[in-house]
Amino acid sequence: MSTYLLFFLFAGAVADEPTSDPQYEAISKVSDKSANCASPDALDKLFQLSSSGLITGVDPQEWLSGVNEDTFLNCPQAFLVALSKQPAATQYHLLNQYFGIQHAPWHLGAELRKWQNDVEVGAFVRAQFAAYLVAEEPQ
């Protein structure tokens, strides 16, 4: 009987493989492209996916949040400039659904604080990321 149980557990794990899910494929596609900091088009596609409503379920939403956060941490200036130029609805969806899930707020805040007085994106950072700017690591 334990052999059957192991088989079903294994079969279930294989059936849930992320790469077979269109959501994971879409996230993977924008993730690979957004790793290039010099590509505003890739960032636009990442932001469009974040605001599209196509990503549902906890696991895909966490993964997309991680992609947004990693892109921000790897390419902060490009990310902030590109996001600041997006429509307010896109900014809202990304910042309220797909940002701040994978990394601690104080970790994101530490990078954001470097940009809060920047001429190009400082006002945007202060307005959209205020909670991160005051987040401190717990003692």
C-alpha atoms as a PDB file:
ATOM      1  CA  MET A   1       0.000   0.000   0.000  1.00  0.00           C
ATOM      2  CA  SER A   2       2.844   2.433   0.742  1.00  0.00           C
ATOM      3  CA  THR A   3       4.147   1.938  -2.807  1.00  0.00           C
ATOM      4  CA  TYR A   4       0.827   3.197  -4.184  1.00  0.00           C
ATOM      5  CA  LEU A   5       0.888   6.176  -1.851  1.00  0.00           C
ATOM      6  CA  LEU A   6       4.391   7.103  -2.981  1.00  0.00           C
ATOM      7  CA  PHE A   7       3.347   6.745  -6.614  1.00  0.00           C
ATOM      8  CA  PHE A   8       0.387   9.097  -6.182  1.00  0.00           C
ATOM      9  CA  LEU A   9       2.463  11.622  -4.276  1.00  0.00           C
ATOM     10  CA  PHE A  10       5.093  11.542  -7.012  1.00  0.00           C
ATOM     11  CA  ALA A  11       2.481  11.706  -9.768  1.00  0.00           C
ATOM     12  CA  GLY A  12       0.869  14.688  -8.061  1.00  0.00           C
ATOM     13  CA  ALA A  13       4.202  16.486  -7.780  1.00  0.00           C
ATOM     14  CA  VAL A  14       4.924  15.895 -11.466  1.00  0.00           C
ATOM     15  CA  ALA A  15       1.436  17.071 -12.452  1.00  0.00           C
ATOM     16  CA  ASP A  16       1.982  20.331 -10.564  1.00  0.00           C
ATOM     17  CA  GLU A  17       5.259  21.100 -12.319  1.00  0.00           C
ATOM     18  CA  PRO A  18       5.237  24.897 -12.815  1.00  0.00           C
ATOM     19  CA  THR A  19       6.551  24.803 -16.354  1.00  0.00           C
ATOM     20  CA  SER A  20       3.366  23.126 -17.584  1.00  0.00           C
ATOM     21  CA  ASP A  21       1.243  26.064 -16.418  1.00  0.00           C
ATOM     22  CA  PRO A  22       0.675  29.006 -18.792  1.00  0.00           C
ATOM     23  CA  GLN A  23       1.008  31.438 -15.867  1.00  0.00           C
ATOM     24  CA  TYR A  24       4.476  30.136 -15.048  1.00  0.00           C
ATOM     25  CA  GLU A  25       5.457  30.247 -18.701  1.00  0.00           C
ATOM     26  CA  ALA A  26       4.355  33.899 -18.939  1.00  0.00           C
ATOM     27  CA  ILE A  27       6.239  34.810 -15.758  1.00  0.00           C
ATOM     28  CA  SER A  28       9.332  32.936 -16.885  1.00  0.00           C
ATOM     29  CA  LYS A  29       9.287  34.731 -20.230  1.00  0.00           C
ATOM     30  CA  VAL A  30       9.159  38.224 -18.682  1.00  0.00           C
ATOM     31  CA  SER A  31      11.607  37.204 -15.963  1.00  0.00           C
ATOM     32  CA  ASP A  32      14.261  36.224 -18.478  1.00  0.00           C
ATOM     33  CA  LYS A  33      13.796  39.439 -20.448  1.00  0.00           C
ATOM     34  CA  SER A  34      13.594  41.801 -17.466  1.00  0.00           C
ATOM     35  CA  ALA A  35      16.972  40.596 -16.213  1.00  0.00           C
ATOM     36  CA  ASN A  36      18.430  42.922 -18.874  1.00  0.00           C
ATOM     37  CA  CYS A  37      18.507  46.290 -17.111  1.00  0.00           C
ATOM     38  CA  ALA A  38      19.000  48.159 -20.362  1.00  0.00           C
ATOM     39  CA  SER A  39      15.683  47.061 -21.878  1.00  0.00           C
ATOM     40  CA  PRO A  40      12.766  49.381 -21.088  1.00  0.00           C
ATOM     41  CA  ASP A  41      10.603  47.192 -23.354  1.00  0.00           C
ATOM     42  CA  ALA A  42      11.285  44.158 -21.152  1.00  0.00           C
ATOM     43  CA  LEU A  43      10.355  46.141 -18.046  1.00  0.00           C
ATOM     44  CA  ASP A  44       7.162  47.326 -19.746  1.00  0.00           C
ATOM     45  CA  LYS A  45       6.223  43.705 -20.444  1.00  0.00           C
ATOM     46  CA  LEU A  46       6.890  42.783 -16.817  1.00  0.00           C
ATOM     47  CA  PHE A  47       4.702  45.660 -15.622  1.00  0.00           C
ATOM     48  CA  GLN A  48       1.967  44.811 -18.119  1.00  0.00           C
ATOM     49  CA  LEU A  49       1.865  41.216 -16.905  1.00  0.00           C
ATOM     50  CA  SER A  50       1.728  42.449 -13.310  1.00  0.00           C
ATOM     51  CA  SER A  51      -1.337  44.555 -14.074  1.00  0.00           C
ATOM     52  CA  SER A  52      -3.029  42.189 -16.528  1.00  0.00           C
ATOM     53  CA  GLY A  53      -5.035  40.124 -14.053  1.00  0.00           C
ATOM     54  CA  LEU A  54      -3.792  36.969 -15.788  1.00  0.00           C
ATOM     55  CA  ILE A  55      -1.745  35.772 -12.818  1.00  0.00           C
ATOM     56  CA  THR A  56      -3.876  34.107 -10.155  1.00  0.00           C
ATOM     57  CA  GLY A  57      -3.159  31.801  -7.273  1.00  0.00           C
ATOM     58  CA  VAL A  58      -0.728  32.173  -4.435  1.00  0.00           C
ATOM     59  CA  ASP A  59       2.324  30.480  -5.962  1.00  0.00           C
ATOM     60  CA  PRO A  60       2.313  32.358  -9.295  1.00  0.00           C
ATOM     61  CA  GLN A  61       1.600  35.652  -7.521  1.00  0.00           C
ATOM     62  CA  GLU A  62       4.519  35.083  -5.149  1.00  0.00           C
ATOM     63  CA  TRP A  63       6.789  34.218  -8.038  1.00  0.00           C
ATOM     64  CA  LEU A  64       5.776  37.327 -10.013  1.00  0.00           C
ATOM     65  CA  SER A  65       6.339  39.458  -6.926  1.00  0.00           C
ATOM     66  CA  GLY A  66       9.790  37.927  -6.597  1.00  0.00           C
ATOM     67  CA  VAL A  67      10.562  38.721 -10.233  1.00  0.00           C
ATOM     68  CA  ASN A  68       9.499  42.349  -9.728  1.00  0.00           C
ATOM     69  CA  GLU A  69      11.532  42.663  -6.531  1.00  0.00           C
ATOM     70  CA  ASP A  70      14.616  40.961  -7.963  1.00  0.00           C
ATOM     71  CA  THR A  71      14.425  43.171 -11.040  1.00  0.00           C
ATOM     72  CA  PHE A  72      14.166  46.224  -8.803  1.00  0.00           C
ATOM     73  CA  LEU A  73      17.109  45.121  -6.631  1.00  0.00           C
ATOM     74  CA  ASN A  74      19.262  44.279  -9.669  1.00  0.00           C
ATOM     75  CA  CYS A  75      18.290  47.322 -11.752  1.00  0.00           C
ATOM     76  CA  PRO A  76      16.862  49.915  -9.343  1.00  0.00           C
ATOM     77  CA  GLN A  77      17.203  52.987 -11.533  1.00  0.00           C
ATOM     78  CA  ALA A  78      15.839  51.363 -14.684  1.00  0.00           C
ATOM     79  CA  PHE A  79      12.991  49.771 -12.710  1.00  0.00           C
ATOM     80  CA  LEU A  80      11.981  53.001 -10.970  1.00  0.00           C
ATOM     81  CA  VAL A  81      12.228  55.158 -14.095  1.00  0.00           C
ATOM     82  CA  ALA A  82      10.202  52.687 -16.159  1.00  0.00           C
ATOM     83  CA  LEU A  83       7.578  52.168 -13.431  1.00  0.00           C
ATOM     84  CA  SER A  84       7.208  55.909 -12.858  1.00  0.00           C
ATOM     85  CA  LYS A  85       6.260  56.286 -16.527  1.00  0.00           C
ATOM     86  CA  GLN A  86       3.537  53.634 -16.353  1.00  0.00           C
ATOM     87  CA  PRO A  87      -0.159  54.539 -16.006  1.00  0.00           C
ATOM     88  CA  ALA A  88      -1.376  54.936 -12.428  1.00  0.00           C
ATOM     89  CA  ALA A  89      -3.460  51.740 -12.702  1.00  0.00           C
ATOM     90  CA  THR A  90      -0.392  49.701 -13.663  1.00  0.00           C
ATOM     91  CA  GLN A  91       1.605  51.179 -10.790  1.00  0.00           C
ATOM     92  CA  TYR A  92      -1.232  50.455  -8.375  1.00  0.00           C
ATOM     93  CA  HIS A  93      -1.594  46.790  -9.398  1.00  0.00           C
ATOM     94  CA  LEU A  94       2.125  46.119  -9.326  1.00  0.00           C
ATOM     95  CA  LEU A  95       2.774  47.846  -6.001  1.00  0.00           C
ATOM     96  CA  ASN A  96      -0.279  46.451  -4.232  1.00  0.00           C
ATOM     97  CA  GLN A  97      -0.250  42.890  -5.561  1.00  0.00           C
ATOM     98  CA  TYR A  98       3.185  42.019  -6.907  1.00  0.00           C
ATOM     99  CA  PHE A  99       5.774  43.818  -4.813  1.00  0.00           C
ATOM    100  CA  GLY A 100       6.950  43.283  -1.252  1.00  0.00           C
ATOM    101  CA  ILE A 101       6.060  39.614  -0.857  1.00  0.00           C
ATOM    102  CA  GLN A 102       9.397  37.851  -1.334  1.00  0.00           C
ATOM    103  CA  HIS A 103      11.838  40.312   0.231  1.00  0.00           C
ATOM    104  CA  ALA A 104      11.532  41.913   3.640  1.00  0.00           C
ATOM    105  CA  PRO A 105      10.265  45.509   3.574  1.00  0.00           C
ATOM    106  CA  TRP A 106      13.416  46.819   5.260  1.00  0.00           C
ATOM    107  CA  HIS A 107      15.555  45.140   2.597  1.00  0.00           C
ATOM    108  CA  LEU A 108      13.583  46.818  -0.198  1.00  0.00           C
ATOM    109  CA  GLY A 109      13.480  50.045   1.821  1.00  0.00           C
ATOM    110  CA  ALA A 110      17.265  50.128   2.135  1.00  0.00           C
ATOM    111  CA  GLU A 111      17.562  50.271  -1.654  1.00  0.00           C
ATOM    112  CA  LEU A 112      14.619  52.653  -2.065  1.00  0.00           C
ATOM    113  CA  ARG A 113      16.111  55.133   0.416  1.00  0.00           C
ATOM    114  CA  LYS A 114      19.041  55.573  -1.980  1.00  0.00           C
ATOM    115  CA  TRP A 115      16.587  56.904  -4.577  1.00  0.00           C
ATOM    116  CA  GLN A 116      14.218  59.048  -2.506  1.00  0.00           C
ATOM    117  CA  ASN A 117      16.102  62.270  -3.280  1.00  0.00           C
ATOM    118  CA  ASP A 118      16.945  61.449  -6.871  1.00  0.00           C
ATOM    119  CA  VAL A 119      16.016  64.254  -9.284  1.00  0.00           C
ATOM    120  CA  GLU A 120      14.305  61.916 -11.766  1.00  0.00           C
ATOM    121  CA  VAL A 121      12.466  59.446  -9.504  1.00  0.00           C
ATOM    122  CA  GLY A 122      12.676  60.846  -5.967  1.00  0.00           C
ATOM    123  CA  ALA A 123       9.132  62.257  -5.846  1.00  0.00           C
ATOM    124  CA  PHE A 124       7.787  58.992  -7.278  1.00  0.00           C
ATOM    125  CA  VAL A 125       9.678  56.918  -4.697  1.00  0.00           C
ATOM    126  CA  ARG A 126       8.472  59.088  -1.811  1.00  0.00           C
ATOM    127  CA  ALA A 127       4.867  58.952  -3.023  1.00  0.00           C
ATOM    128  CA  GLN A 128       4.620  55.291  -3.966  1.00  0.00           C
ATOM    129  CA  PHE A 129       7.018  53.571  -1.566  1.00  0.00           C
ATOM    130  CA  ALA A 130       6.540  55.609   1.628  1.00  0.00           C
ATOM    131  CA  ALA A 131       5.991  52.558   3.837  1.00  0.00           C
ATOM    132  CA  TYR A 132       9.212  50.948   2.620  1.00  0.00           C
ATOM    133  CA  LEU A 133      11.204  54.103   3.268  1.00  0.00           C
ATOM    134  CA  VAL A 134      10.486  53.903   7.019  1.00  0.00           C
ATOM    135  CA  ALA A 135      10.701  50.111   7.332  1.00  0.00           C
ATOM    136  CA  GLU A 136      13.442  49.023   9.702  1.00  0.00           C
ATOM    137  CA  GLU A 137      14.822  45.608  10.403  1.00  0.00           C
ATOM    138  CA  PRO A 138      13.482  44.230  13.697  1.00  0.00           C
ATOM    139  CA  GLN A 139      15.975  44.058  16.527  1.00  0.00           C
END
